[in-house]
Amino acid sequence: MSWFSSSSKKKKRDHRQPERKVIALDNPKSPIAEAYRTLRTSIRFATAIQEQAKVFLFTSAGPREGKSTVTANVAVTFAQNGTKTLLIDCDLRKPVQHKIFHVSNSVGLTNVLVDKCPEVDAINLTSIPQLDVMTSGPIPPNPSELLSSPRMQDLLDDLRQRYDLILIDTPPAVAVTDPVVLASHVDGIFLVIRAKQATIEMAKLATTRLQQSQGRIIGAILNGMEIHGEDYYYYYYYGGSQNQSE
């Protein structure tokens, strides 16, 4: 299915600003925004050895660890640096990216996966140049089945030809199997962990599940750690090989 569909209307960018949780955009001189730029550099170095690596999955061990906010901010920092970026909301249970970026969720990923529309019609332009968002679309009764379908793999293959970087926001890895079924289709995985909330056991369980599905865990992002009076500082830790258990 071609991206260049003569029947699709050309969309205009929505110049409304994302919600304030996108610190990389709202407060670019803050320590948090600088931490996201450092994270961007770390991701580039961590993936430099992989040729054509451009599709990365973000998940967490449990709920409310901030993985959607982290994914949104990372996407913004890459786009600000001139990288043509697509953020896909694959959290088909509690999607939030459409709220963060103020875009419609009436048509999205689920419509594409059930062949209700071409993928080009499910992509929203944001107020940030070089950043597009594919929202979740209507919440389906069978998220895991849709994400594990051959159509999902075909979609990612098509999008690789269009974008320099694709970031995928998924549900928590311990709660549901959705990130696990996607793990083998991406080039790397980042596990978001909220300080003082996620337990070591939960993080290890999430890591084990992702590795058993042949997922390559690149590293973990420690979220919500208080440093020098800053309440929400984001820190990137390079995780090494996929066989690392800790």
C-alpha atoms as a PDB file:
ATOM      1  CA  MET A   1       0.000   0.000   0.000  1.00  0.00           C
ATOM      2  CA  SER A   2       1.681   3.170  -1.216  1.00  0.00           C
ATOM      3  CA  TRP A   3       2.356   6.215   0.905  1.00  0.00           C
ATOM      4  CA  PHE A   4       1.645   8.374  -2.121  1.00  0.00           C
ATOM      5  CA  SER A   5      -2.107   7.995  -2.330  1.00  0.00           C
ATOM      6  CA  SER A   6      -3.806  10.333  -4.747  1.00  0.00           C
ATOM      7  CA  SER A   7      -7.082   9.913  -2.872  1.00  0.00           C
ATOM      8  CA  SER A   8      -5.759  11.124   0.494  1.00  0.00           C
ATOM      9  CA  LYS A   9      -6.002  14.762   1.490  1.00  0.00           C
ATOM     10  CA  LYS A  10      -2.863  16.670   2.357  1.00  0.00           C
ATOM     11  CA  LYS A  11      -2.912  17.405   6.073  1.00  0.00           C
ATOM     12  CA  LYS A  12      -1.872  20.669   7.667  1.00  0.00           C
ATOM     13  CA  ARG A  13       0.212  20.811  10.799  1.00  0.00           C
ATOM     14  CA  ASP A  14      -1.685  21.549  13.985  1.00  0.00           C
ATOM     15  CA  HIS A  15       0.169  24.468  15.554  1.00  0.00           C
ATOM     16  CA  ARG A  16      -1.357  24.016  18.991  1.00  0.00           C
ATOM     17  CA  GLN A  17       1.425  23.196  21.401  1.00  0.00           C
ATOM     18  CA  PRO A  18       1.594  19.786  23.113  1.00  0.00           C
ATOM     19  CA  GLU A  19       0.709  19.515  26.780  1.00  0.00           C
ATOM     20  CA  ARG A  20       3.298  20.759  29.269  1.00  0.00           C
ATOM     21  CA  LYS A  21       4.523  17.257  29.952  1.00  0.00           C
ATOM     22  CA  VAL A  22       6.672  17.624  26.804  1.00  0.00           C
ATOM     23  CA  ILE A  23       9.439  19.383  28.717  1.00  0.00           C
ATOM     24  CA  ALA A  24      11.877  19.130  25.807  1.00  0.00           C
ATOM     25  CA  LEU A  25       9.644  21.562  23.919  1.00  0.00           C
ATOM     26  CA  ASP A  26       8.159  23.765  26.643  1.00  0.00           C
ATOM     27  CA  ASN A  27      11.285  24.350  28.703  1.00  0.00           C
ATOM     28  CA  PRO A  28      14.289  23.517  26.485  1.00  0.00           C
ATOM     29  CA  LYS A  29      16.828  25.100  28.866  1.00  0.00           C
ATOM     30  CA  SER A  30      15.758  23.075  31.892  1.00  0.00           C
ATOM     31  CA  PRO A  31      17.918  20.271  33.346  1.00  0.00           C
ATOM     32  CA  ILE A  32      15.234  17.782  32.347  1.00  0.00           C
ATOM     33  CA  ALA A  33      15.300  18.900  28.714  1.00  0.00           C
ATOM     34  CA  GLU A  34      19.088  18.677  28.744  1.00  0.00           C
ATOM     35  CA  ALA A  35      18.796  15.154  30.149  1.00  0.00           C
ATOM     36  CA  TYR A  36      16.586  14.203  27.205  1.00  0.00           C
ATOM     37  CA  ARG A  37      19.171  15.575  24.781  1.00  0.00           C
ATOM     38  CA  THR A  38      21.798  13.511  26.567  1.00  0.00           C
ATOM     39  CA  LEU A  39      19.503  10.513  26.236  1.00  0.00           C
ATOM     40  CA  ARG A  40      19.195  11.221  22.509  1.00  0.00           C
ATOM     41  CA  THR A  41      22.986  11.146  22.190  1.00  0.00           C
ATOM     42  CA  SER A  42      23.177   7.955  24.247  1.00  0.00           C
ATOM     43  CA  ILE A  43      20.630   6.257  22.008  1.00  0.00           C
ATOM     44  CA  ARG A  44      22.627   7.214  18.944  1.00  0.00           C
ATOM     45  CA  PHE A  45      25.847   5.820  20.376  1.00  0.00           C
ATOM     46  CA  ALA A  46      24.154   2.673  21.691  1.00  0.00           C
ATOM     47  CA  THR A  47      22.654   1.893  18.295  1.00  0.00           C
ATOM     48  CA  ALA A  48      25.528   3.058  16.084  1.00  0.00           C
ATOM     49  CA  ILE A  49      26.794  -0.492  15.624  1.00  0.00           C
ATOM     50  CA  GLN A  50      23.456  -1.576  14.133  1.00  0.00           C
ATOM     51  CA  GLU A  51      23.115  -0.790  10.465  1.00  0.00           C
ATOM     52  CA  GLN A  52      19.691   0.555   9.520  1.00  0.00           C
ATOM     53  CA  ALA A  53      18.527   0.474  13.152  1.00  0.00           C
ATOM     54  CA  LYS A  54      15.632   2.882  13.331  1.00  0.00           C
ATOM     55  CA  VAL A  55      12.652   1.223  15.076  1.00  0.00           C
ATOM     56  CA  PHE A  56      12.696   1.296  18.879  1.00  0.00           C
ATOM     57  CA  LEU A  57      10.141   0.163  21.435  1.00  0.00           C
ATOM     58  CA  PHE A  58       9.533   1.886  24.778  1.00  0.00           C
ATOM     59  CA  THR A  59       7.852   0.022  27.605  1.00  0.00           C
ATOM     60  CA  SER A  60       7.869  -0.236  31.394  1.00  0.00           C
ATOM     61  CA  ALA A  61       7.517  -2.974  33.964  1.00  0.00           C
ATOM     62  CA  GLY A  62       4.314  -1.645  35.493  1.00  0.00           C
ATOM     63  CA  PRO A  63       1.805   1.187  35.083  1.00  0.00           C
ATOM     64  CA  ARG A  64       2.384   4.884  35.851  1.00  0.00           C
ATOM     65  CA  GLU A  65       6.136   4.777  35.320  1.00  0.00           C
ATOM     66  CA  GLY A  66       6.077   7.544  32.715  1.00  0.00           C
ATOM     67  CA  LYS A  67       6.941   5.566  29.592  1.00  0.00           C
ATOM     68  CA  SER A  68       4.527   7.526  27.359  1.00  0.00           C
ATOM     69  CA  THR A  69       5.894  10.867  28.552  1.00  0.00           C
ATOM     70  CA  VAL A  70       9.465   9.677  28.073  1.00  0.00           C
ATOM     71  CA  THR A  71       8.696   8.410  24.571  1.00  0.00           C
ATOM     72  CA  ALA A  72       7.083  11.721  23.609  1.00  0.00           C
ATOM     73  CA  ASN A  73      10.022  13.767  24.888  1.00  0.00           C
ATOM     74  CA  VAL A  74      12.595  11.562  23.179  1.00  0.00           C
ATOM     75  CA  ALA A  75      10.663  11.884  19.918  1.00  0.00           C
ATOM     76  CA  VAL A  76      10.628  15.679  20.243  1.00  0.00           C
ATOM     77  CA  THR A  77      14.376  15.906  20.882  1.00  0.00           C
ATOM     78  CA  PHE A  78      15.177  13.815  17.813  1.00  0.00           C
ATOM     79  CA  ALA A  79      12.824  15.879  15.651  1.00  0.00           C
ATOM     80  CA  GLN A  80      14.347  19.108  16.963  1.00  0.00           C
ATOM     81  CA  ASN A  81      17.706  17.807  15.803  1.00  0.00           C
ATOM     82  CA  GLY A  82      16.415  17.325  12.255  1.00  0.00           C
ATOM     83  CA  THR A  83      15.637  13.597  12.394  1.00  0.00           C
ATOM     84  CA  LYS A  84      12.457  12.701  10.539  1.00  0.00           C
ATOM     85  CA  THR A  85      10.622  10.933  13.343  1.00  0.00           C
ATOM     86  CA  LEU A  86       7.400   8.963  13.686  1.00  0.00           C
ATOM     87  CA  LEU A  87       5.896   8.139  17.075  1.00  0.00           C
ATOM     88  CA  ILE A  88       3.446   5.210  16.993  1.00  0.00           C
ATOM     89  CA  ASP A  89       1.047   4.752  19.895  1.00  0.00           C
ATOM     90  CA  CYS A  90       0.863   0.974  20.234  1.00  0.00           C
ATOM     91  CA  ASP A  91      -0.717   1.201  23.659  1.00  0.00           C
ATOM     92  CA  LEU A  92      -4.067  -0.074  22.441  1.00  0.00           C
ATOM     93  CA  ARG A  93      -5.437  -0.246  25.988  1.00  0.00           C
ATOM     94  CA  LYS A  94      -4.771   3.210  27.480  1.00  0.00           C
ATOM     95  CA  PRO A  95      -3.456   5.396  24.646  1.00  0.00           C
ATOM     96  CA  VAL A  96      -2.363   8.943  25.510  1.00  0.00           C
ATOM     97  CA  GLN A  97      -0.147  10.222  22.701  1.00  0.00           C
ATOM     98  CA  HIS A  98      -3.087  11.880  20.940  1.00  0.00           C
ATOM     99  CA  LYS A  99      -3.733  13.853  24.129  1.00  0.00           C
ATOM    100  CA  ILE A 100      -0.099  14.839  24.531  1.00  0.00           C
ATOM    101  CA  PHE A 101       0.154  16.181  20.977  1.00  0.00           C
ATOM    102  CA  HIS A 102      -3.445  17.415  20.566  1.00  0.00           C
ATOM    103  CA  VAL A 103      -4.215  15.300  17.503  1.00  0.00           C
ATOM    104  CA  SER A 104      -7.301  13.322  16.555  1.00  0.00           C
ATOM    105  CA  ASN A 105      -7.567   9.675  17.529  1.00  0.00           C
ATOM    106  CA  SER A 106     -10.617   8.879  15.418  1.00  0.00           C
ATOM    107  CA  VAL A 107      -8.376   7.150  12.886  1.00  0.00           C
ATOM    108  CA  GLY A 108      -5.129   5.454  13.811  1.00  0.00           C
ATOM    109  CA  LEU A 109      -3.110   2.265  14.006  1.00  0.00           C
ATOM    110  CA  THR A 110      -6.024  -0.088  14.615  1.00  0.00           C
ATOM    111  CA  ASN A 111      -7.802   1.162  11.483  1.00  0.00           C
ATOM    112  CA  VAL A 112      -4.711   0.374   9.433  1.00  0.00           C
ATOM    113  CA  LEU A 113      -4.270  -3.089  10.943  1.00  0.00           C
ATOM    114  CA  VAL A 114      -7.825  -4.112  10.049  1.00  0.00           C
ATOM    115  CA  ASP A 115      -7.429  -2.607   6.561  1.00  0.00           C
ATOM    116  CA  LYS A 116      -9.979   0.158   7.112  1.00  0.00           C
ATOM    117  CA  CYS A 117      -7.636   2.858   5.806  1.00  0.00           C
ATOM    118  CA  PRO A 118      -4.176   3.292   4.260  1.00  0.00           C
ATOM    119  CA  GLU A 119      -1.404   4.106   6.719  1.00  0.00           C
ATOM    120  CA  VAL A 120      -0.916   7.579   5.260  1.00  0.00           C
ATOM    121  CA  ASP A 121      -4.398   8.541   6.482  1.00  0.00           C
ATOM    122  CA  ALA A 122      -3.566   7.448  10.035  1.00  0.00           C
ATOM    123  CA  ILE A 123      -0.528   9.709  10.392  1.00  0.00           C
ATOM    124  CA  ASN A 124      -0.947  13.094  12.061  1.00  0.00           C
ATOM    125  CA  LEU A 125       1.369  16.042  11.540  1.00  0.00           C
ATOM    126  CA  THR A 126       2.288  17.789  14.797  1.00  0.00           C
ATOM    127  CA  SER A 127       3.323  21.350  15.585  1.00  0.00           C
ATOM    128  CA  ILE A 128       6.945  20.177  15.715  1.00  0.00           C
ATOM    129  CA  PRO A 129       8.678  20.040  12.314  1.00  0.00           C
ATOM    130  CA  GLN A 130       9.976  16.550  11.453  1.00  0.00           C
ATOM    131  CA  LEU A 131       7.676  14.865  13.996  1.00  0.00           C
ATOM    132  CA  ASP A 132       4.576  12.893  13.015  1.00  0.00           C
ATOM    133  CA  VAL A 133       2.335  10.785  15.240  1.00  0.00           C
ATOM    134  CA  MET A 134       0.318   7.685  14.406  1.00  0.00           C
ATOM    135  CA  THR A 135      -2.234   7.423  17.191  1.00  0.00           C
ATOM    136  CA  SER A 136      -3.726   4.180  18.457  1.00  0.00           C
ATOM    137  CA  GLY A 137      -7.088   4.606  16.776  1.00  0.00           C
ATOM    138  CA  PRO A 138     -10.238   3.073  18.309  1.00  0.00           C
ATOM    139  CA  ILE A 139      -9.452   0.676  21.159  1.00  0.00           C
ATOM    140  CA  PRO A 140      -9.943  -2.909  19.898  1.00  0.00           C
ATOM    141  CA  PRO A 141     -11.126  -5.988  21.811  1.00  0.00           C
ATOM    142  CA  ASN A 142      -8.015  -7.930  20.751  1.00  0.00           C
ATOM    143  CA  PRO A 143      -4.886  -5.722  21.040  1.00  0.00           C
ATOM    144  CA  SER A 144      -2.313  -8.532  21.204  1.00  0.00           C
ATOM    145  CA  GLU A 145      -3.763 -10.309  18.181  1.00  0.00           C
ATOM    146  CA  LEU A 146      -3.664  -7.143  16.096  1.00  0.00           C
ATOM    147  CA  LEU A 147      -0.099  -6.296  17.086  1.00  0.00           C
ATOM    148  CA  SER A 148       1.123  -9.825  16.327  1.00  0.00           C
ATOM    149  CA  SER A 149      -0.528  -9.913  12.904  1.00  0.00           C
ATOM    150  CA  PRO A 150       1.507 -10.001   9.662  1.00  0.00           C
ATOM    151  CA  ARG A 151      -0.076  -6.643   8.809  1.00  0.00           C
ATOM    152  CA  MET A 152       1.814  -5.026  11.705  1.00  0.00           C
ATOM    153  CA  GLN A 153       5.140  -6.282  10.404  1.00  0.00           C
ATOM    154  CA  ASP A 154       4.271  -5.119   6.886  1.00  0.00           C
ATOM    155  CA  LEU A 155       3.361  -1.698   8.262  1.00  0.00           C
ATOM    156  CA  LEU A 156       6.686  -1.313  10.056  1.00  0.00           C
ATOM    157  CA  ASP A 157       8.527  -2.392   6.913  1.00  0.00           C
ATOM    158  CA  ASP A 158       6.699   0.292   4.920  1.00  0.00           C
ATOM    159  CA  LEU A 159       7.321   2.993   7.518  1.00  0.00           C
ATOM    160  CA  ARG A 160      11.050   2.221   7.632  1.00  0.00           C
ATOM    161  CA  GLN A 161      11.251   3.493   4.073  1.00  0.00           C
ATOM    162  CA  ARG A 162       9.600   6.779   5.023  1.00  0.00           C
ATOM    163  CA  TYR A 163      11.192   7.789   8.332  1.00  0.00           C
ATOM    164  CA  ASP A 164      14.670   8.096   9.825  1.00  0.00           C
ATOM    165  CA  LEU A 165      13.440   7.039  13.259  1.00  0.00           C
ATOM    166  CA  ILE A 166      10.332   5.252  14.563  1.00  0.00           C
ATOM    167  CA  LEU A 167       9.526   5.187  18.286  1.00  0.00           C
ATOM    168  CA  ILE A 168       6.825   2.840  19.571  1.00  0.00           C
ATOM    169  CA  ASP A 169       4.941   3.455  22.816  1.00  0.00           C
ATOM    170  CA  THR A 170       3.606   0.199  24.292  1.00  0.00           C
ATOM    171  CA  PRO A 171       1.821  -0.933  27.487  1.00  0.00           C
ATOM    172  CA  PRO A 172       3.752  -2.268  30.517  1.00  0.00           C
ATOM    173  CA  ALA A 173       5.548  -5.527  29.757  1.00  0.00           C
ATOM    174  CA  VAL A 174       4.518  -7.323  32.947  1.00  0.00           C
ATOM    175  CA  ALA A 175       0.832  -6.470  32.715  1.00  0.00           C
ATOM    176  CA  VAL A 176       0.133  -7.578  29.126  1.00  0.00           C
ATOM    177  CA  THR A 177       1.837  -9.392  26.248  1.00  0.00           C
ATOM    178  CA  ASP A 178       1.632  -6.543  23.721  1.00  0.00           C
ATOM    179  CA  PRO A 179       5.290  -5.398  24.055  1.00  0.00           C
ATOM    180  CA  VAL A 180       6.435  -9.008  23.959  1.00  0.00           C
ATOM    181  CA  VAL A 181       4.760  -9.746  20.621  1.00  0.00           C
ATOM    182  CA  LEU A 182       6.352  -6.617  19.141  1.00  0.00           C
ATOM    183  CA  ALA A 183       9.819  -7.194  20.593  1.00  0.00           C
ATOM    184  CA  SER A 184      11.154  -9.277  17.718  1.00  0.00           C
ATOM    185  CA  HIS A 185       9.944  -6.735  15.142  1.00  0.00           C
ATOM    186  CA  VAL A 186      11.984  -3.790  16.447  1.00  0.00           C
ATOM    187  CA  ASP A 187      15.687  -2.954  16.486  1.00  0.00           C
ATOM    188  CA  GLY A 188      15.902  -2.241  20.193  1.00  0.00           C
ATOM    189  CA  ILE A 189      13.948  -1.844  23.424  1.00  0.00           C
ATOM    190  CA  PHE A 190      14.125   0.739  26.196  1.00  0.00           C
ATOM    191  CA  LEU A 191      12.672  -0.083  29.597  1.00  0.00           C
ATOM    192  CA  VAL A 192      11.374   2.924  31.551  1.00  0.00           C
ATOM    193  CA  ILE A 193      11.636   2.507  35.315  1.00  0.00           C
ATOM    194  CA  ARG A 194      10.257   4.991  37.835  1.00  0.00           C
ATOM    195  CA  ALA A 195      12.451   5.501  40.886  1.00  0.00           C
ATOM    196  CA  LYS A 196      10.965   4.354  44.201  1.00  0.00           C
ATOM    197  CA  GLN A 197       8.054   2.680  42.418  1.00  0.00           C
ATOM    198  CA  ALA A 198       9.210  -0.232  40.281  1.00  0.00           C
ATOM    199  CA  THR A 199      10.706  -3.146  42.191  1.00  0.00           C
ATOM    200  CA  ILE A 200      13.815  -5.008  41.116  1.00  0.00           C
ATOM    201  CA  GLU A 201      11.704  -8.151  40.757  1.00  0.00           C
ATOM    202  CA  MET A 202       9.253  -6.414  38.412  1.00  0.00           C
ATOM    203  CA  ALA A 203      12.063  -4.975  36.300  1.00  0.00           C
ATOM    204  CA  LYS A 204      13.745  -8.376  36.062  1.00  0.00           C
ATOM    205  CA  LEU A 205      10.464 -10.046  35.096  1.00  0.00           C
ATOM    206  CA  ALA A 206       9.875  -7.489  32.345  1.00  0.00           C
ATOM    207  CA  THR A 207      13.438  -7.956  31.092  1.00  0.00           C
ATOM    208  CA  THR A 208      13.087 -11.743  31.045  1.00  0.00           C
ATOM    209  CA  ARG A 209       9.810 -11.651  29.117  1.00  0.00           C
ATOM    210  CA  LEU A 210      11.210  -9.312  26.490  1.00  0.00           C
ATOM    211  CA  GLN A 211      14.425 -11.293  26.064  1.00  0.00           C
ATOM    212  CA  GLN A 212      12.537 -14.581  25.749  1.00  0.00           C
ATOM    213  CA  SER A 213      10.782 -13.102  22.732  1.00  0.00           C
ATOM    214  CA  GLN A 214      14.165 -12.340  21.135  1.00  0.00           C
ATOM    215  CA  GLY A 215      13.950  -8.661  21.980  1.00  0.00           C
ATOM    216  CA  ARG A 216      17.189  -6.670  22.210  1.00  0.00           C
ATOM    217  CA  ILE A 217      17.085  -4.535  25.344  1.00  0.00           C
ATOM    218  CA  ILE A 218      19.419  -1.609  24.776  1.00  0.00           C
ATOM    219  CA  GLY A 219      19.034  -0.046  28.190  1.00  0.00           C
ATOM    220  CA  ALA A 220      16.829   1.317  30.934  1.00  0.00           C
ATOM    221  CA  ILE A 221      15.683   4.875  31.562  1.00  0.00           C
ATOM    222  CA  LEU A 222      15.395   5.823  35.203  1.00  0.00           C
ATOM    223  CA  ASN A 223      12.519   8.226  35.576  1.00  0.00           C
ATOM    224  CA  GLY A 224      11.383  10.409  38.483  1.00  0.00           C
ATOM    225  CA  MET A 225      14.683  10.514  40.338  1.00  0.00           C
ATOM    226  CA  GLU A 226      15.204  13.655  42.425  1.00  0.00           C
ATOM    227  CA  ILE A 227      18.607  15.232  41.854  1.00  0.00           C
ATOM    228  CA  HIS A 228      19.626  18.696  43.081  1.00  0.00           C
ATOM    229  CA  GLY A 229      16.057  19.708  43.806  1.00  0.00           C
ATOM    230  CA  GLU A 230      14.697  18.678  40.409  1.00  0.00           C
ATOM    231  CA  ASP A 231      11.694  16.433  40.948  1.00  0.00           C
ATOM    232  CA  TYR A 232      11.741  14.612  37.639  1.00  0.00           C
ATOM    233  CA  TYR A 233      15.157  14.027  36.211  1.00  0.00           C
ATOM    234  CA  TYR A 234      15.653  11.449  33.514  1.00  0.00           C
ATOM    235  CA  TYR A 235      18.755   9.320  33.399  1.00  0.00           C
ATOM    236  CA  TYR A 236      19.838   6.824  30.783  1.00  0.00           C
ATOM    237  CA  TYR A 237      21.681   3.651  31.646  1.00  0.00           C
ATOM    238  CA  TYR A 238      23.228   1.559  28.906  1.00  0.00           C
ATOM    239  CA  GLY A 239      22.152  -2.011  29.448  1.00  0.00           C
ATOM    240  CA  GLY A 240      24.663  -3.998  27.417  1.00  0.00           C
ATOM    241  CA  SER A 241      23.897  -7.269  25.680  1.00  0.00           C
ATOM    242  CA  GLN A 242      20.480  -8.854  25.592  1.00  0.00           C
ATOM    243  CA  ASN A 243      21.673 -11.697  27.790  1.00  0.00           C
ATOM    244  CA  GLN A 244      22.324  -9.384  30.712  1.00  0.00           C
ATOM    245  CA  SER A 245      19.944 -10.284  33.522  1.00  0.00           C
ATOM    246  CA  GLU A 246      20.333  -7.328  35.822  1.00  0.00           C
END
